[in-house]
Amino acid sequence: MELGHVVVLAGGLSYEREVSLRSGRRVADALRALDIPVELRDADATLLDSLTDDPPDAVFPVLHGAAGEDGSIRDVLELLDTRYVGARPDACRVAWDKPTAKSVVRRAGLQTPDSVALPKEVFHDLGAASVLDQIVRSLGLPLFVKPTRGGSALGASAVHDASELSAAMVGCFAYGDAALVERYVPGTEIAVSVIERQGKATALPAVEIVAPGGQYDYTARYDAGDTEFITPARLTPEAAERATAAAVTAHHALGLRDLSRTDLIVDDEGEVHFLEVNVAPGMTETSLLPRAISVAGLDLGEVCRDLILARF
């Protein structure tokens, strides 16, 4: 089939807007290299009229943050009866909420760090000091704090000393109304991307992340040269197989479609721990999914084209 008009949807108004625009440009350029007509569109007040007046063959959403990953934009695309790449709205809502996603994958048999989710109101109403003391007593140290919803490591930080926890919570609440506090699992941080090819979910080579100071934060993710990425990850064959299985299990358990990226920690014993999943993985020059696609000997444009064609 020949694609006549594809819309790559990027931008939006989340904290991750700039990353989304970079991702969108890269996907658009990769598709244009295959002579596919592509229009790069923002998620703004002109979008609905544009999609209605000139319906595309399909939409490839590369929106990061709330509207792009919580299912809302995809709900709108379904109202318009527009084909689009990626997970459907209900699956997005489950994956977007990290505590819910952790519960789902745990029921599917995956390990995930013990944690507690605290809305800002509960944190303040029960007394911040008392709540923080109880968290440390129950979960121990070190800990990792991040918003229950969101990406790009915005508002996320490691806590190695109890005195650091209060500042970590404040930083987290700057990016979301609820915090997920997890027991920190030391080990090798990896990302395993999954793409569906010919109806089968296939894991790509795991990418190992070696961030400066051990903190894979926003700067480390998107400033080229700040972080070392090793693909395939330096894992034993057994650990690599478990990581691959975990990513595919998470993809299926959460009801995802077409593509996803699962973030994992492999501890010193080779056990794999689920951290979170992303339904709209970054596509920038430093992003992990395109890196894994390249190492697997695949072409980004061809993969994106095939994902679009799978919607027909």
Foldseek 3Di string as FASTA:
>chain_A
DAFAEEEEEAADDAPCRVLRVQQSVLLQVLQVVVVHHYDYYYPDPCVVVVCVVPPGQAYEYQYFFDCRQQQPVLVVCVVVVHHYFKFHNQLSNQQQQQVSLQVLLVVLPAAAFDKDKFFQVRCPVVDVVVVLVVCCVVQNDWKKKAARGGDQQQLIDIRGDSVCVVVSVVRRVVRHRMMIIGRDADAWKWKWKWFADPNRTFIFAIKTKAAVVNDCHNCRQPPPPRIDIDTNDPADPVLRVQVRVSVRSSCVSSRMGGMKMWIWGQHPVSGIHTRGMGGNFGRHPRTDVVVRCVVRVHRSNVSVVSSSVVSD
